[in-house]
C-alpha atoms as a PDB file:
ATOM      1  CA  MET A   1       6.993   8.978   6.159  1.00  0.00           C
ATOM      2  CA  SER A   2       9.126  11.802   7.624  1.00  0.00           C
ATOM      3  CA  VAL A   3       7.896  15.379   7.837  1.00  0.00           C
ATOM      4  CA  ARG A   4      10.128  17.856   6.067  1.00  0.00           C
ATOM      5  CA  GLY A   5      10.841  21.408   7.020  1.00  0.00           C
ATOM      6  CA  PHE A   6      13.264  21.005   9.953  1.00  0.00           C
ATOM      7  CA  TRP A   7      15.396  24.010  10.827  1.00  0.00           C
ATOM      8  CA  ALA A   8      18.757  23.928   9.089  1.00  0.00           C
ATOM      9  CA  SER A   9      20.660  23.963  12.364  1.00  0.00           C
ATOM     10  CA  LEU A  10      18.752  20.988  13.711  1.00  0.00           C
ATOM     11  CA  SER A  11      19.286  19.121  10.444  1.00  0.00           C
ATOM     12  CA  THR A  12      23.012  19.733  10.683  1.00  0.00           C
ATOM     13  CA  LEU A  13      23.107  18.442  14.254  1.00  0.00           C
ATOM     14  CA  ALA A  14      21.059  15.401  13.318  1.00  0.00           C
ATOM     15  CA  LEU A  15      23.352  14.556  10.410  1.00  0.00           C
ATOM     16  CA  ALA A  16      26.369  14.947  12.678  1.00  0.00           C
ATOM     17  CA  ALA A  17      24.809  12.613  15.224  1.00  0.00           C
ATOM     18  CA  VAL A  18      24.080  10.043  12.537  1.00  0.00           C
ATOM     19  CA  ALA A  19      27.664  10.160  11.341  1.00  0.00           C
ATOM     20  CA  ALA A  20      29.042   9.913  14.871  1.00  0.00           C
ATOM     21  CA  LEU A  21      26.855   6.993  15.839  1.00  0.00           C
ATOM     22  CA  GLY A  22      27.295   5.128  12.569  1.00  0.00           C
ATOM     23  CA  VAL A  23      23.543   4.976  11.902  1.00  0.00           C
ATOM     24  CA  ALA A  24      22.741   3.468   8.523  1.00  0.00           C
ATOM     25  CA  GLY A  25      21.734   5.908   5.793  1.00  0.00           C
ATOM     26  CA  PRO A  26      19.330   5.055   2.952  1.00  0.00           C
ATOM     27  CA  ALA A  27      21.835   3.076   0.905  1.00  0.00           C
ATOM     28  CA  ALA A  28      23.070   1.138   3.920  1.00  0.00           C
ATOM     29  CA  ALA A  29      19.503   0.466   5.015  1.00  0.00           C
ATOM     30  CA  ALA A  30      18.660  -0.976   1.618  1.00  0.00           C
ATOM     31  CA  ASP A  31      21.785  -3.125   1.720  1.00  0.00           C
ATOM     32  CA  SER A  32      20.798  -4.374   5.177  1.00  0.00           C
ATOM     33  CA  ALA A  33      17.280  -5.210   4.044  1.00  0.00           C
ATOM     34  CA  ALA A  34      18.624  -7.039   0.993  1.00  0.00           C
ATOM     35  CA  ALA A  35      21.034  -9.093   3.082  1.00  0.00           C
ATOM     36  CA  GLY A  36      18.274 -11.516   4.049  1.00  0.00           C
ATOM     37  CA  GLY A  37      15.099 -12.691   2.398  1.00  0.00           C
ATOM     38  CA  TYR A  38      12.336 -10.361   1.224  1.00  0.00           C
ATOM     39  CA  VAL A  39       8.702 -11.490   1.219  1.00  0.00           C
ATOM     40  CA  ALA A  40       5.997  -9.391  -0.468  1.00  0.00           C
ATOM     41  CA  LEU A  41       2.559 -10.085   0.994  1.00  0.00           C
ATOM     42  CA  GLY A  42      -0.812  -8.510   0.376  1.00  0.00           C
ATOM     43  CA  ASP A  43      -3.586  -7.699  -2.031  1.00  0.00           C
ATOM     44  CA  SER A  44      -3.822  -6.326  -5.571  1.00  0.00           C
ATOM     45  CA  TYR A  45      -2.039  -3.091  -4.676  1.00  0.00           C
ATOM     46  CA  SER A  46       1.058  -5.155  -3.910  1.00  0.00           C
ATOM     47  CA  SER A  47       0.602  -7.757  -6.626  1.00  0.00           C
ATOM     48  CA  GLY A  48       0.429  -4.980  -9.215  1.00  0.00           C
ATOM     49  CA  VAL A  49      -3.042  -5.324 -10.699  1.00  0.00           C
ATOM     50  CA  GLY A  50      -3.408  -2.524 -13.218  1.00  0.00           C
ATOM     51  CA  ALA A  51       0.323  -2.337 -13.951  1.00  0.00           C
ATOM     52  CA  GLY A  52       0.336  -4.993 -16.696  1.00  0.00           C
ATOM     53  CA  ASP A  53       3.049  -7.502 -17.638  1.00  0.00           C
ATOM     54  CA  TYR A  54       1.749 -10.178 -15.286  1.00  0.00           C
ATOM     55  CA  LEU A  55       3.946 -13.119 -14.440  1.00  0.00           C
ATOM     56  CA  PRO A  56       2.672 -16.161 -16.367  1.00  0.00           C
ATOM     57  CA  ASP A  57       2.584 -18.412 -13.316  1.00  0.00           C
ATOM     58  CA  SER A  58       0.643 -15.947 -11.143  1.00  0.00           C
ATOM     59  CA  GLY A  59      -2.803 -16.705 -12.586  1.00  0.00           C
ATOM     60  CA  ASP A  60      -5.639 -14.652 -11.129  1.00  0.00           C
ATOM     61  CA  CYS A  61      -3.276 -13.209  -8.501  1.00  0.00           C
ATOM     62  CA  ARG A  62      -1.921 -11.043 -11.346  1.00  0.00           C
ATOM     63  CA  ARG A  63       1.564 -10.400 -10.038  1.00  0.00           C
ATOM     64  CA  SER A  64       3.125  -7.768 -12.231  1.00  0.00           C
ATOM     65  CA  THR A  65       6.764  -7.326 -13.146  1.00  0.00           C
ATOM     66  CA  ASN A  66       5.994  -3.604 -12.739  1.00  0.00           C
ATOM     67  CA  ALA A  67       4.795  -3.965  -9.120  1.00  0.00           C
ATOM     68  CA  TYR A  68       6.857  -2.264  -6.427  1.00  0.00           C
ATOM     69  CA  PRO A  69       8.045  -5.531  -4.785  1.00  0.00           C
ATOM     70  CA  GLN A  70       9.399  -6.807  -8.094  1.00  0.00           C
ATOM     71  CA  LEU A  71      11.038  -3.442  -8.847  1.00  0.00           C
ATOM     72  CA  TRP A  72      12.664  -3.240  -5.411  1.00  0.00           C
ATOM     73  CA  ALA A  73      13.942  -6.820  -5.581  1.00  0.00           C
ATOM     74  CA  ALA A  74      15.385  -6.278  -9.050  1.00  0.00           C
ATOM     75  CA  ALA A  75      17.252  -3.181  -7.867  1.00  0.00           C
ATOM     76  CA  ASN A  76      18.499  -4.585  -4.556  1.00  0.00           C
ATOM     77  CA  SER A  77      19.020  -8.318  -5.132  1.00  0.00           C
ATOM     78  CA  PRO A  78      17.870  -9.697  -1.768  1.00  0.00           C
ATOM     79  CA  ALA A  79      19.228 -13.071  -0.724  1.00  0.00           C
ATOM     80  CA  SER A  80      15.808 -14.530  -1.550  1.00  0.00           C
ATOM     81  CA  PHE A  81      12.566 -13.068  -2.836  1.00  0.00           C
ATOM     82  CA  ALA A  82       9.066 -14.504  -2.403  1.00  0.00           C
ATOM     83  CA  PHE A  83       6.385 -12.531  -4.259  1.00  0.00           C
ATOM     84  CA  VAL A  84       3.124 -13.987  -2.953  1.00  0.00           C
ATOM     85  CA  ALA A  85       0.755 -10.970  -2.944  1.00  0.00           C
ATOM     86  CA  CYS A  86      -2.512 -11.793  -4.673  1.00  0.00           C
ATOM     87  CA  SER A  87      -5.422  -9.901  -6.161  1.00  0.00           C
ATOM     88  CA  GLY A  88      -8.515 -10.024  -3.980  1.00  0.00           C
ATOM     89  CA  ALA A  89      -6.643 -10.912  -0.802  1.00  0.00           C
ATOM     90  CA  THR A  90      -8.127 -10.020   2.579  1.00  0.00           C
ATOM     91  CA  THR A  91      -6.366 -10.001   5.924  1.00  0.00           C
ATOM     92  CA  SER A  92      -7.604 -13.531   6.565  1.00  0.00           C
ATOM     93  CA  SER A  93      -6.557 -14.912   3.164  1.00  0.00           C
ATOM     94  CA  VAL A  94      -3.120 -13.324   3.521  1.00  0.00           C
ATOM     95  CA  ALA A  95      -2.862 -14.995   6.921  1.00  0.00           C
ATOM     96  CA  SER A  96      -4.049 -18.379   5.677  1.00  0.00           C
ATOM     97  CA  GLY A  97      -2.456 -18.467   2.237  1.00  0.00           C
ATOM     98  CA  GLN A  98       0.657 -16.298   2.167  1.00  0.00           C
ATOM     99  CA  LEU A  99       2.464 -16.472   5.505  1.00  0.00           C
ATOM    100  CA  GLY A 100       4.033 -19.814   4.617  1.00  0.00           C
ATOM    101  CA  ALA A 101       6.575 -17.817   2.601  1.00  0.00           C
ATOM    102  CA  LEU A 102       7.992 -16.372   5.835  1.00  0.00           C
ATOM    103  CA  ASN A 103      10.789 -17.958   7.829  1.00  0.00           C
ATOM    104  CA  ALA A 104      13.420 -17.127  10.422  1.00  0.00           C
ATOM    105  CA  SER A 105      15.816 -15.774   7.778  1.00  0.00           C
ATOM    106  CA  THR A 106      13.279 -13.326   6.341  1.00  0.00           C
ATOM    107  CA  SER A 107      14.659  -9.843   6.942  1.00  0.00           C
ATOM    108  CA  LEU A 108      12.103  -7.708   5.092  1.00  0.00           C
ATOM    109  CA  VAL A 109       8.347  -7.958   4.618  1.00  0.00           C
ATOM    110  CA  SER A 110       5.975  -5.626   2.796  1.00  0.00           C
ATOM    111  CA  VAL A 111       2.191  -5.848   2.963  1.00  0.00           C
ATOM    112  CA  THR A 112      -0.973  -4.088   1.817  1.00  0.00           C
ATOM    113  CA  ALA A 113      -4.193  -5.465   3.250  1.00  0.00           C
ATOM    114  CA  GLY A 114      -7.494  -4.110   4.513  1.00  0.00           C
ATOM    115  CA  GLY A 115      -9.202  -2.652   1.467  1.00  0.00           C
ATOM    116  CA  ASN A 116     -10.956  -5.892   0.575  1.00  0.00           C
ATOM    117  CA  ASP A 117     -11.995  -6.472   4.190  1.00  0.00           C
ATOM    118  CA  VAL A 118     -14.123  -3.329   4.126  1.00  0.00           C
ATOM    119  CA  GLY A 119     -15.700  -4.038   0.733  1.00  0.00           C
ATOM    120  CA  PHE A 120     -13.762  -1.576  -1.407  1.00  0.00           C
ATOM    121  CA  ALA A 121     -14.886  -3.107  -4.715  1.00  0.00           C
ATOM    122  CA  ASP A 122     -18.535  -3.064  -3.681  1.00  0.00           C
ATOM    123  CA  VAL A 123     -18.265   0.568  -2.595  1.00  0.00           C
ATOM    124  CA  MET A 124     -16.867   1.623  -5.955  1.00  0.00           C
ATOM    125  CA  GLN A 125     -19.538  -0.370  -7.783  1.00  0.00           C
ATOM    126  CA  ASP A 126     -22.249   1.361  -5.765  1.00  0.00           C
ATOM    127  CA  CYS A 127     -20.746   4.758  -6.450  1.00  0.00           C
ATOM    128  CA  VAL A 128     -20.389   4.166 -10.183  1.00  0.00           C
ATOM    129  CA  LEU A 129     -23.772   2.534 -10.769  1.00  0.00           C
ATOM    130  CA  GLN A 130     -26.062   3.935  -8.086  1.00  0.00           C
ATOM    131  CA  SER A 131     -27.196   7.318  -6.780  1.00  0.00           C
ATOM    132  CA  GLU A 132     -25.128   9.738  -4.740  1.00  0.00           C
ATOM    133  CA  ALA A 133     -27.077   8.792  -1.612  1.00  0.00           C
ATOM    134  CA  VAL A 134     -26.403   5.078  -2.139  1.00  0.00           C
ATOM    135  CA  CYS A 135     -22.721   5.822  -2.739  1.00  0.00           C
ATOM    136  CA  VAL A 136     -22.341   7.878   0.430  1.00  0.00           C
ATOM    137  CA  ASN A 137     -24.203   5.283   2.483  1.00  0.00           C
ATOM    138  CA  SER A 138     -21.940   2.560   1.103  1.00  0.00           C
ATOM    139  CA  VAL A 139     -18.855   4.596   1.960  1.00  0.00           C
ATOM    140  CA  ASN A 140     -20.127   5.188   5.487  1.00  0.00           C
ATOM    141  CA  ALA A 141     -20.780   1.473   5.952  1.00  0.00           C
ATOM    142  CA  ALA A 142     -17.205   0.759   4.890  1.00  0.00           C
ATOM    143  CA  ILE A 143     -15.916   3.333   7.387  1.00  0.00           C
ATOM    144  CA  SER A 144     -17.928   1.584  10.107  1.00  0.00           C
ATOM    145  CA  ARG A 145     -16.128  -1.650   9.262  1.00  0.00           C
ATOM    146  CA  MET A 146     -12.779   0.166   9.293  1.00  0.00           C
ATOM    147  CA  ASN A 147     -13.420   1.352  12.824  1.00  0.00           C
ATOM    148  CA  GLY A 148     -15.213  -1.793  13.970  1.00  0.00           C
ATOM    149  CA  THR A 149     -13.934  -5.164  12.768  1.00  0.00           C
ATOM    150  CA  LEU A 150     -10.854  -4.235  10.749  1.00  0.00           C
ATOM    151  CA  PRO A 151      -8.506  -3.376  13.649  1.00  0.00           C
ATOM    152  CA  GLY A 152      -8.864  -6.848  15.153  1.00  0.00           C
ATOM    153  CA  SER A 153      -8.333  -8.479  11.758  1.00  0.00           C
ATOM    154  CA  LEU A 154      -5.174  -6.458  11.219  1.00  0.00           C
ATOM    155  CA  ASP A 155      -3.895  -7.310  14.700  1.00  0.00           C
ATOM    156  CA  SER A 156      -4.343 -10.994  13.956  1.00  0.00           C
ATOM    157  CA  LEU A 157      -2.559 -10.741  10.600  1.00  0.00           C
ATOM    158  CA  TYR A 158       0.303  -8.703  12.009  1.00  0.00           C
ATOM    159  CA  ALA A 159       0.773 -11.167  14.858  1.00  0.00           C
ATOM    160  CA  GLY A 160       1.020 -13.948  12.288  1.00  0.00           C
ATOM    161  CA  ILE A 161       3.613 -12.030  10.300  1.00  0.00           C
ATOM    162  CA  ARG A 162       5.717 -11.430  13.390  1.00  0.00           C
ATOM    163  CA  ALA A 163       5.498 -15.074  14.393  1.00  0.00           C
ATOM    164  CA  GLY A 164       6.557 -16.202  10.925  1.00  0.00           C
ATOM    165  CA  ALA A 165       9.401 -13.704  10.555  1.00  0.00           C
ATOM    166  CA  PRO A 166      10.483 -12.736  14.083  1.00  0.00           C
ATOM    167  CA  GLY A 167      13.517 -10.704  13.009  1.00  0.00           C
ATOM    168  CA  ALA A 168      12.134  -8.979   9.938  1.00  0.00           C
ATOM    169  CA  GLN A 169      11.483  -5.321   9.296  1.00  0.00           C
ATOM    170  CA  VAL A 170       7.812  -5.158   8.303  1.00  0.00           C
ATOM    171  CA  VAL A 171       6.537  -2.296   6.156  1.00  0.00           C
ATOM    172  CA  VAL A 172       2.787  -1.748   5.937  1.00  0.00           C
ATOM    173  CA  LEU A 173       1.879   0.399   2.953  1.00  0.00           C
ATOM    174  CA  GLY A 174      -1.326   2.402   2.698  1.00  0.00           C
ATOM    175  CA  TYR A 175      -3.682   3.296  -0.109  1.00  0.00           C
ATOM    176  CA  PRO A 176      -3.832   6.483  -2.195  1.00  0.00           C
ATOM    177  CA  ARG A 177      -6.588   9.050  -2.244  1.00  0.00           C
ATOM    178  CA  PHE A 178      -8.370   8.393  -5.508  1.00  0.00           C
ATOM    179  CA  TYR A 179      -9.544  11.822  -6.594  1.00  0.00           C
ATOM    180  CA  GLN A 180      -8.218  15.304  -7.090  1.00  0.00           C
ATOM    181  CA  LEU A 181     -11.159  17.427  -6.010  1.00  0.00           C
ATOM    182  CA  SER A 182     -12.163  20.299  -8.290  1.00  0.00           C
ATOM    183  CA  GLY A 183     -10.070  18.557 -10.914  1.00  0.00           C
ATOM    184  CA  SER A 184     -10.410  17.995 -14.616  1.00  0.00           C
ATOM    185  CA  CYS A 185     -13.239  15.423 -14.585  1.00  0.00           C
ATOM    186  CA  VAL A 186     -16.414  16.726 -16.216  1.00  0.00           C
ATOM    187  CA  ALA A 187     -18.461  13.541 -15.877  1.00  0.00           C
ATOM    188  CA  GLY A 188     -18.743  10.503 -13.656  1.00  0.00           C
ATOM    189  CA  LEU A 189     -18.999  10.741  -9.892  1.00  0.00           C
ATOM    190  CA  THR A 190     -20.130  13.900  -8.135  1.00  0.00           C
ATOM    191  CA  GLU A 191     -17.735  15.953  -6.034  1.00  0.00           C
ATOM    192  CA  THR A 192     -19.619  14.779  -2.958  1.00  0.00           C
ATOM    193  CA  GLU A 193     -18.983  11.165  -3.903  1.00  0.00           C
ATOM    194  CA  ARG A 194     -15.330  11.809  -4.674  1.00  0.00           C
ATOM    195  CA  ALA A 195     -14.818  13.615  -1.381  1.00  0.00           C
ATOM    196  CA  ALA A 196     -16.493  10.785   0.539  1.00  0.00           C
ATOM    197  CA  ILE A 197     -14.255   8.184  -1.105  1.00  0.00           C
ATOM    198  CA  ASN A 198     -11.159  10.264  -0.312  1.00  0.00           C
ATOM    199  CA  ASP A 199     -12.277  10.616   3.302  1.00  0.00           C
ATOM    200  CA  ALA A 200     -12.695   6.851   3.540  1.00  0.00           C
ATOM    201  CA  SER A 201      -9.143   6.364   2.241  1.00  0.00           C
ATOM    202  CA  ASP A 202      -7.896   8.692   4.973  1.00  0.00           C
ATOM    203  CA  VAL A 203      -9.769   6.736   7.648  1.00  0.00           C
ATOM    204  CA  LEU A 204      -8.439   3.432   6.326  1.00  0.00           C
ATOM    205  CA  ASN A 205      -4.874   4.734   6.280  1.00  0.00           C
ATOM    206  CA  GLY A 206      -5.290   5.996   9.834  1.00  0.00           C
ATOM    207  CA  VAL A 207      -6.404   2.572  11.030  1.00  0.00           C
ATOM    208  CA  LEU A 208      -3.530   0.869   9.209  1.00  0.00           C
ATOM    209  CA  ALA A 209      -0.998   3.299  10.665  1.00  0.00           C
ATOM    210  CA  LYS A 210      -2.244   2.785  14.224  1.00  0.00           C
ATOM    211  CA  ARG A 211      -2.356  -1.009  14.066  1.00  0.00           C
ATOM    212  CA  ALA A 212       1.066  -1.125  12.369  1.00  0.00           C
ATOM    213  CA  ALA A 213       2.592   1.081  15.071  1.00  0.00           C
ATOM    214  CA  ASP A 214       1.090  -1.040  17.830  1.00  0.00           C
ATOM    215  CA  ALA A 215       2.595  -4.132  16.203  1.00  0.00           C
ATOM    216  CA  GLY A 216       6.019  -2.530  15.995  1.00  0.00           C
ATOM    217  CA  PHE A 217       5.841  -2.275  12.210  1.00  0.00           C
ATOM    218  CA  THR A 218       6.580   0.684   9.936  1.00  0.00           C
ATOM    219  CA  PHE A 219       3.658   2.344   8.160  1.00  0.00           C
ATOM    220  CA  SER A 220       4.374   4.169   4.915  1.00  0.00           C
ATOM    221  CA  SER A 221       1.700   6.347   3.339  1.00  0.00           C
ATOM    222  CA  VAL A 222       1.526   6.746  -0.439  1.00  0.00           C
ATOM    223  CA  VAL A 223      -0.752   9.794  -0.320  1.00  0.00           C
ATOM    224  CA  ASP A 224       2.058  12.322  -0.843  1.00  0.00           C
ATOM    225  CA  GLU A 225       3.488  10.360  -3.772  1.00  0.00           C
ATOM    226  CA  PHE A 226       0.105  10.189  -5.516  1.00  0.00           C
ATOM    227  CA  THR A 227      -0.795  13.842  -4.876  1.00  0.00           C
ATOM    228  CA  GLY A 228      -1.097  15.454  -8.295  1.00  0.00           C
ATOM    229  CA  HIS A 229      -1.572  12.043  -9.888  1.00  0.00           C
ATOM    230  CA  GLU A 230      -5.055  11.169  -8.641  1.00  0.00           C
ATOM    231  CA  LEU A 231      -8.040  10.607 -10.892  1.00  0.00           C
ATOM    232  CA  CYS A 232      -9.242  13.952 -12.290  1.00  0.00           C
ATOM    233  CA  SER A 233      -5.678  15.270 -12.316  1.00  0.00           C
ATOM    234  CA  GLY A 234      -3.795  15.958 -15.510  1.00  0.00           C
ATOM    235  CA  ASP A 235      -1.580  12.902 -15.041  1.00  0.00           C
ATOM    236  CA  PRO A 236      -3.432  10.134 -13.186  1.00  0.00           C
ATOM    237  CA  TRP A 237      -1.452   7.162 -11.931  1.00  0.00           C
ATOM    238  CA  LEU A 238      -4.693   5.262 -11.258  1.00  0.00           C
ATOM    239  CA  HIS A 239      -7.091   3.637 -13.667  1.00  0.00           C
ATOM    240  CA  SER A 240     -10.673   4.848 -13.638  1.00  0.00           C
ATOM    241  CA  VAL A 241     -13.386   2.471 -14.870  1.00  0.00           C
ATOM    242  CA  THR A 242     -11.673   0.546 -17.627  1.00  0.00           C
ATOM    243  CA  VAL A 243     -11.489  -2.740 -19.518  1.00  0.00           C
ATOM    244  CA  PRO A 244     -10.517  -5.253 -18.290  1.00  0.00           C
ATOM    245  CA  VAL A 245     -12.620  -4.248 -15.331  1.00  0.00           C
ATOM    246  CA  TYR A 246     -10.234  -5.691 -12.736  1.00  0.00           C
ATOM    247  CA  ASN A 247      -7.767  -2.902 -13.563  1.00  0.00           C
ATOM    248  CA  SER A 248     -10.285  -0.269 -12.469  1.00  0.00           C
ATOM    249  CA  TYR A 249      -9.203   1.844  -9.484  1.00  0.00           C
ATOM    250  CA  HIS A 250      -5.760   0.284  -9.343  1.00  0.00           C
ATOM    251  CA  PRO A 251      -2.357   1.909  -9.889  1.00  0.00           C
ATOM    252  CA  LYS A 252      -0.902   1.958 -13.357  1.00  0.00           C
ATOM    253  CA  ALA A 253       2.746   1.011 -13.841  1.00  0.00           C
ATOM    254  CA  ALA A 254       3.615   4.673 -13.158  1.00  0.00           C
ATOM    255  CA  GLY A 255       1.755   4.458  -9.840  1.00  0.00           C
ATOM    256  CA  GLN A 256       3.838   1.478  -8.812  1.00  0.00           C
ATOM    257  CA  SER A 257       7.197   2.944  -9.849  1.00  0.00           C
ATOM    258  CA  GLY A 258       6.471   6.571  -8.967  1.00  0.00           C
ATOM    259  CA  GLY A 259       4.163   6.048  -5.995  1.00  0.00           C
ATOM    260  CA  TYR A 260       4.527   2.756  -4.167  1.00  0.00           C
ATOM    261  CA  LEU A 261       8.209   2.098  -4.810  1.00  0.00           C
ATOM    262  CA  PRO A 262       9.425   5.450  -3.388  1.00  0.00           C
ATOM    263  CA  ALA A 263       7.072   5.076  -0.408  1.00  0.00           C
ATOM    264  CA  PHE A 264       8.491   1.621   0.256  1.00  0.00           C
ATOM    265  CA  ARG A 265      12.063   2.818  -0.075  1.00  0.00           C
ATOM    266  CA  SER A 266      11.421   5.713   2.302  1.00  0.00           C
ATOM    267  CA  ALA A 267      10.473   3.261   5.047  1.00  0.00           C
ATOM    268  CA  LEU A 268      13.748   1.346   4.908  1.00  0.00           C
END
């Protein structure tokens, strides 16, 4: 995602250069992406777990009509749309079970993957049910996996995506920070636990950004979009522990439309 705050004079020159060279602006970029097929890969953050209104034929994958891929496709009418993201997916299950949706005409791919590889659900269970020390140890073990085995798993997945869709723009989306520190929560996890979980999200996003860049893909963070809408904020776009339990720690419909969708659009 671009950094704002450029000097006005430089912005003017840049806009002039864009106009002179005929570089596509946001609308043209979206039109270009929609000209071919769009394939939405990934885990529950792409399938839309937590956002409700699940497609009847998606079963336990829980693909939501409120998920960012569905929202983008509805607004942009790509030539074809394959929504194959699935709850619980890892890098290896995306590679083995979802890449068949790609082909030579695919022009746009989105993907979230990596959280399940490092045991995200187990970490949150430890933090909710166990002591602060157990929580922090669990977070640190996940960070070790992020820095150890995850990069190779991502490289393998990204190579498979490129092989399946050689001409596509591929957008790798990250994960939000979960907690607003010193926020409105008066119970639940300690501030130490919340800070550790946020730090782990930052590490994970850093790994995703690096591997995506090395693969020639575009990484788009969602941290800015979710800032002010974390758990313990006045307007959270994430579920805390809830029923049904699979919605816990996943974006609500507002997190998909207000967080992931703008982050996806900004990458195009």
